[in-house]
Amino acid sequence: MNYHINEDEMKLLAHLHEHAPGYGSDYPFDPSEVQNALRLDDRGFHRAASYLEQLGLVGIKSELAESFEDSQLFLFGIWLTGMGANFMRTLENAPGVRRKVTAAVVSKVWPAGDDAIVEVASQQVTDLARHRGMIP
């Protein structure tokens, strides 16, 4: 079984890595600013953030507001973890990549699917999931 990372998830991770002044919850970003910069809708942003959080690559501060008929998730902060920074450093130094991976680079290469960035990132996510016991 392989784990995959999609374009929105990779753009989010690259954006945080590109702009992070530090790592961990002491260096949060305003989620709405990041979402607007990446031009993601609410659903896409929440899905990307929660997937990356499950892998330990980003942290999020959120609250679920529930009512009788509906519930809504509010994000108050998002940050790059040390593991997320290491993921990006490893990706950028991988054979065939060897360049700064920004959200703009991801937007350019991801749709084609044939760039080393896509292949290496997917392998790294699978290795990380296996290491975290998410897959055998």
C-alpha atoms as a PDB file:
ATOM      1  CA  MET A   1       0.000   0.000   0.000  1.00  0.00           C
ATOM      2  CA  ASN A   2       1.248   3.449  -0.881  1.00  0.00           C
ATOM      3  CA  TYR A   3       0.317   6.773   0.620  1.00  0.00           C
ATOM      4  CA  HIS A   4      -0.031   9.687  -1.732  1.00  0.00           C
ATOM      5  CA  ILE A   5       0.198  13.436  -1.485  1.00  0.00           C
ATOM      6  CA  ASN A   6      -1.902  15.548  -3.823  1.00  0.00           C
ATOM      7  CA  GLU A   7      -1.208  18.944  -5.350  1.00  0.00           C
ATOM      8  CA  ASP A   8      -3.136  20.965  -2.735  1.00  0.00           C
ATOM      9  CA  GLU A   9      -1.373  19.170   0.134  1.00  0.00           C
ATOM     10  CA  MET A  10       2.021  19.660  -1.444  1.00  0.00           C
ATOM     11  CA  LYS A  11       1.351  23.343  -2.197  1.00  0.00           C
ATOM     12  CA  LEU A  12       0.306  23.907   1.418  1.00  0.00           C
ATOM     13  CA  LEU A  13       3.405  22.193   2.772  1.00  0.00           C
ATOM     14  CA  ALA A  14       5.676  24.059   0.337  1.00  0.00           C
ATOM     15  CA  HIS A  15       4.047  27.412   1.187  1.00  0.00           C
ATOM     16  CA  LEU A  16       4.530  26.898   4.922  1.00  0.00           C
ATOM     17  CA  HIS A  17       8.143  25.817   4.402  1.00  0.00           C
ATOM     18  CA  GLU A  18       8.845  28.788   2.170  1.00  0.00           C
ATOM     19  CA  HIS A  19       7.443  31.340   4.636  1.00  0.00           C
ATOM     20  CA  ALA A  20       7.947  29.816   8.103  1.00  0.00           C
ATOM     21  CA  PRO A  21       9.993  31.933  10.516  1.00  0.00           C
ATOM     22  CA  GLY A  22      10.351  28.840  12.711  1.00  0.00           C
ATOM     23  CA  TYR A  23       8.784  25.460  13.459  1.00  0.00           C
ATOM     24  CA  GLY A  24       6.064  24.420  15.848  1.00  0.00           C
ATOM     25  CA  SER A  25       3.074  26.047  17.485  1.00  0.00           C
ATOM     26  CA  ASP A  26       5.080  29.137  18.485  1.00  0.00           C
ATOM     27  CA  TYR A  27       5.149  30.126  14.788  1.00  0.00           C
ATOM     28  CA  PRO A  28       1.538  29.872  13.576  1.00  0.00           C
ATOM     29  CA  PHE A  29       0.165  31.278  10.362  1.00  0.00           C
ATOM     30  CA  ASP A  30      -3.310  32.716   9.987  1.00  0.00           C
ATOM     31  CA  PRO A  31      -5.113  29.917   8.107  1.00  0.00           C
ATOM     32  CA  SER A  32      -7.294  32.328   6.113  1.00  0.00           C
ATOM     33  CA  GLU A  33      -4.214  34.151   4.806  1.00  0.00           C
ATOM     34  CA  VAL A  34      -2.574  30.881   3.748  1.00  0.00           C
ATOM     35  CA  GLN A  35      -5.807  29.638   2.192  1.00  0.00           C
ATOM     36  CA  ASN A  36      -6.201  32.859   0.203  1.00  0.00           C
ATOM     37  CA  ALA A  37      -2.567  32.823  -0.930  1.00  0.00           C
ATOM     38  CA  LEU A  38      -3.018  29.284  -2.260  1.00  0.00           C
ATOM     39  CA  ARG A  39      -6.472  30.014  -3.715  1.00  0.00           C
ATOM     40  CA  LEU A  40      -8.038  26.961  -2.053  1.00  0.00           C
ATOM     41  CA  ASP A  41     -11.686  26.668  -1.096  1.00  0.00           C
ATOM     42  CA  ASP A  42     -12.620  25.813   2.510  1.00  0.00           C
ATOM     43  CA  ARG A  43     -13.094  22.107   1.856  1.00  0.00           C
ATOM     44  CA  GLY A  44      -9.816  21.731  -0.050  1.00  0.00           C
ATOM     45  CA  PHE A  45      -7.847  23.678   2.538  1.00  0.00           C
ATOM     46  CA  HIS A  46      -9.299  21.750   5.492  1.00  0.00           C
ATOM     47  CA  ARG A  47      -8.696  18.412   3.779  1.00  0.00           C
ATOM     48  CA  ALA A  48      -5.096  19.289   2.908  1.00  0.00           C
ATOM     49  CA  ALA A  49      -4.357  20.621   6.398  1.00  0.00           C
ATOM     50  CA  SER A  50      -5.909  17.649   8.199  1.00  0.00           C
ATOM     51  CA  TYR A  51      -4.116  15.105   5.985  1.00  0.00           C
ATOM     52  CA  LEU A  52      -0.748  16.755   6.588  1.00  0.00           C
ATOM     53  CA  GLU A  53      -1.529  16.960  10.308  1.00  0.00           C
ATOM     54  CA  GLN A  54      -2.215  13.213  10.451  1.00  0.00           C
ATOM     55  CA  LEU A  55       1.250  12.658   9.010  1.00  0.00           C
ATOM     56  CA  GLY A  56       2.816  15.051  11.540  1.00  0.00           C
ATOM     57  CA  LEU A  57       4.024  17.485   8.862  1.00  0.00           C
ATOM     58  CA  VAL A  58       1.897  20.433  10.021  1.00  0.00           C
ATOM     59  CA  GLY A  59       0.087  21.349  13.195  1.00  0.00           C
ATOM     60  CA  ILE A  60      -3.324  22.944  13.374  1.00  0.00           C
ATOM     61  CA  LYS A  61      -5.328  24.593  16.118  1.00  0.00           C
ATOM     62  CA  SER A  62      -9.016  24.111  15.503  1.00  0.00           C
ATOM     63  CA  GLU A  63     -12.389  23.967  17.169  1.00  0.00           C
ATOM     64  CA  LEU A  64     -15.512  22.145  16.091  1.00  0.00           C
ATOM     65  CA  ALA A  65     -18.624  24.223  16.668  1.00  0.00           C
ATOM     66  CA  GLU A  66     -21.709  22.044  16.842  1.00  0.00           C
ATOM     67  CA  SER A  67     -25.371  22.924  16.802  1.00  0.00           C
ATOM     68  CA  PHE A  68     -28.496  20.802  16.605  1.00  0.00           C
ATOM     69  CA  GLU A  69     -28.515  20.784  12.825  1.00  0.00           C
ATOM     70  CA  ASP A  70     -24.934  21.393  11.756  1.00  0.00           C
ATOM     71  CA  SER A  71     -21.309  21.516  12.759  1.00  0.00           C
ATOM     72  CA  GLN A  72     -18.451  23.603  11.448  1.00  0.00           C
ATOM     73  CA  LEU A  73     -14.712  23.341  11.900  1.00  0.00           C
ATOM     74  CA  PHE A  74     -12.858  26.573  12.582  1.00  0.00           C
ATOM     75  CA  LEU A  75      -9.100  26.755  12.095  1.00  0.00           C
ATOM     76  CA  PHE A  76      -7.273  29.285  14.260  1.00  0.00           C
ATOM     77  CA  GLY A  77      -3.673  28.478  13.413  1.00  0.00           C
ATOM     78  CA  ILE A  78      -1.527  26.319  11.172  1.00  0.00           C
ATOM     79  CA  TRP A  79       2.213  25.778  11.406  1.00  0.00           C
ATOM     80  CA  LEU A  80       5.038  23.777   9.948  1.00  0.00           C
ATOM     81  CA  THR A  81       6.425  21.113  12.268  1.00  0.00           C
ATOM     82  CA  GLY A  82      10.077  20.149  12.464  1.00  0.00           C
ATOM     83  CA  MET A  83       9.131  16.914  10.709  1.00  0.00           C
ATOM     84  CA  GLY A  84       7.478  18.952   7.951  1.00  0.00           C
ATOM     85  CA  ALA A  85      10.615  21.053   7.538  1.00  0.00           C
ATOM     86  CA  ASN A  86      12.740  17.901   7.359  1.00  0.00           C
ATOM     87  CA  PHE A  87      10.352  16.412   4.775  1.00  0.00           C
ATOM     88  CA  MET A  88      10.812  19.490   2.579  1.00  0.00           C
ATOM     89  CA  ARG A  89      14.599  19.579   3.037  1.00  0.00           C
ATOM     90  CA  THR A  90      14.847  15.909   2.092  1.00  0.00           C
ATOM     91  CA  LEU A  91      12.641  16.482  -0.947  1.00  0.00           C
ATOM     92  CA  GLU A  92      14.638  19.502  -2.100  1.00  0.00           C
ATOM     93  CA  ASN A  93      17.931  17.601  -1.789  1.00  0.00           C
ATOM     94  CA  ALA A  94      16.738  14.392  -3.460  1.00  0.00           C
ATOM     95  CA  PRO A  95      18.396  13.247  -6.697  1.00  0.00           C
ATOM     96  CA  GLY A  96      16.408  14.602  -9.619  1.00  0.00           C
ATOM     97  CA  VAL A  97      14.953  17.452  -7.563  1.00  0.00           C
ATOM     98  CA  ARG A  98      17.864  19.461  -6.122  1.00  0.00           C
ATOM     99  CA  ARG A  99      16.020  22.796  -6.070  1.00  0.00           C
ATOM    100  CA  LYS A 100      13.830  24.928  -3.849  1.00  0.00           C
ATOM    101  CA  VAL A 101      10.289  23.544  -3.891  1.00  0.00           C
ATOM    102  CA  THR A 102       7.785  26.384  -3.577  1.00  0.00           C
ATOM    103  CA  ALA A 103       4.019  26.456  -4.034  1.00  0.00           C
ATOM    104  CA  ALA A 104       4.616  28.004  -7.485  1.00  0.00           C
ATOM    105  CA  VAL A 105       6.949  25.151  -8.472  1.00  0.00           C
ATOM    106  CA  VAL A 106       4.394  22.595  -7.297  1.00  0.00           C
ATOM    107  CA  SER A 107       1.646  24.298  -9.321  1.00  0.00           C
ATOM    108  CA  LYS A 108       3.845  24.107 -12.395  1.00  0.00           C
ATOM    109  CA  VAL A 109       5.082  20.503 -12.174  1.00  0.00           C
ATOM    110  CA  TRP A 110       2.279  18.648 -10.374  1.00  0.00           C
ATOM    111  CA  PRO A 111      -0.361  18.610 -13.145  1.00  0.00           C
ATOM    112  CA  ALA A 112       2.112  16.945 -15.535  1.00  0.00           C
ATOM    113  CA  GLY A 113       2.850  14.280 -12.917  1.00  0.00           C
ATOM    114  CA  ASP A 114       6.170  13.384 -14.471  1.00  0.00           C
ATOM    115  CA  ASP A 115       8.525  15.513 -12.420  1.00  0.00           C
ATOM    116  CA  ALA A 116      10.839  13.976  -9.822  1.00  0.00           C
ATOM    117  CA  ILE A 117       9.150  16.112  -7.169  1.00  0.00           C
ATOM    118  CA  VAL A 118       5.901  14.145  -7.543  1.00  0.00           C
ATOM    119  CA  GLU A 119       7.647  10.781  -7.378  1.00  0.00           C
ATOM    120  CA  VAL A 120       9.964  11.621  -4.482  1.00  0.00           C
ATOM    121  CA  ALA A 121       7.222  13.309  -2.412  1.00  0.00           C
ATOM    122  CA  SER A 122       4.918  10.309  -2.820  1.00  0.00           C
ATOM    123  CA  GLN A 123       7.686   7.925  -1.764  1.00  0.00           C
ATOM    124  CA  GLN A 124       8.525  10.093   1.253  1.00  0.00           C
ATOM    125  CA  VAL A 125       4.865  10.153   2.357  1.00  0.00           C
ATOM    126  CA  THR A 126       4.661   6.362   2.050  1.00  0.00           C
ATOM    127  CA  ASP A 127       7.883   5.936   4.052  1.00  0.00           C
ATOM    128  CA  LEU A 128       6.646   8.383   6.702  1.00  0.00           C
ATOM    129  CA  ALA A 129       3.271   6.620   7.001  1.00  0.00           C
ATOM    130  CA  ARG A 130       5.031   3.277   7.350  1.00  0.00           C
ATOM    131  CA  HIS A 131       7.390   4.693  10.013  1.00  0.00           C
ATOM    132  CA  ARG A 132       4.409   6.096  11.944  1.00  0.00           C
ATOM    133  CA  GLY A 133       2.691   2.679  11.851  1.00  0.00           C
ATOM    134  CA  MET A 134      -0.094   3.844   9.556  1.00  0.00           C
ATOM    135  CA  ILE A 135       0.660   1.042   7.072  1.00  0.00           C
ATOM    136  CA  PRO A 136       2.382  -2.328   7.580  1.00  0.00           C
END
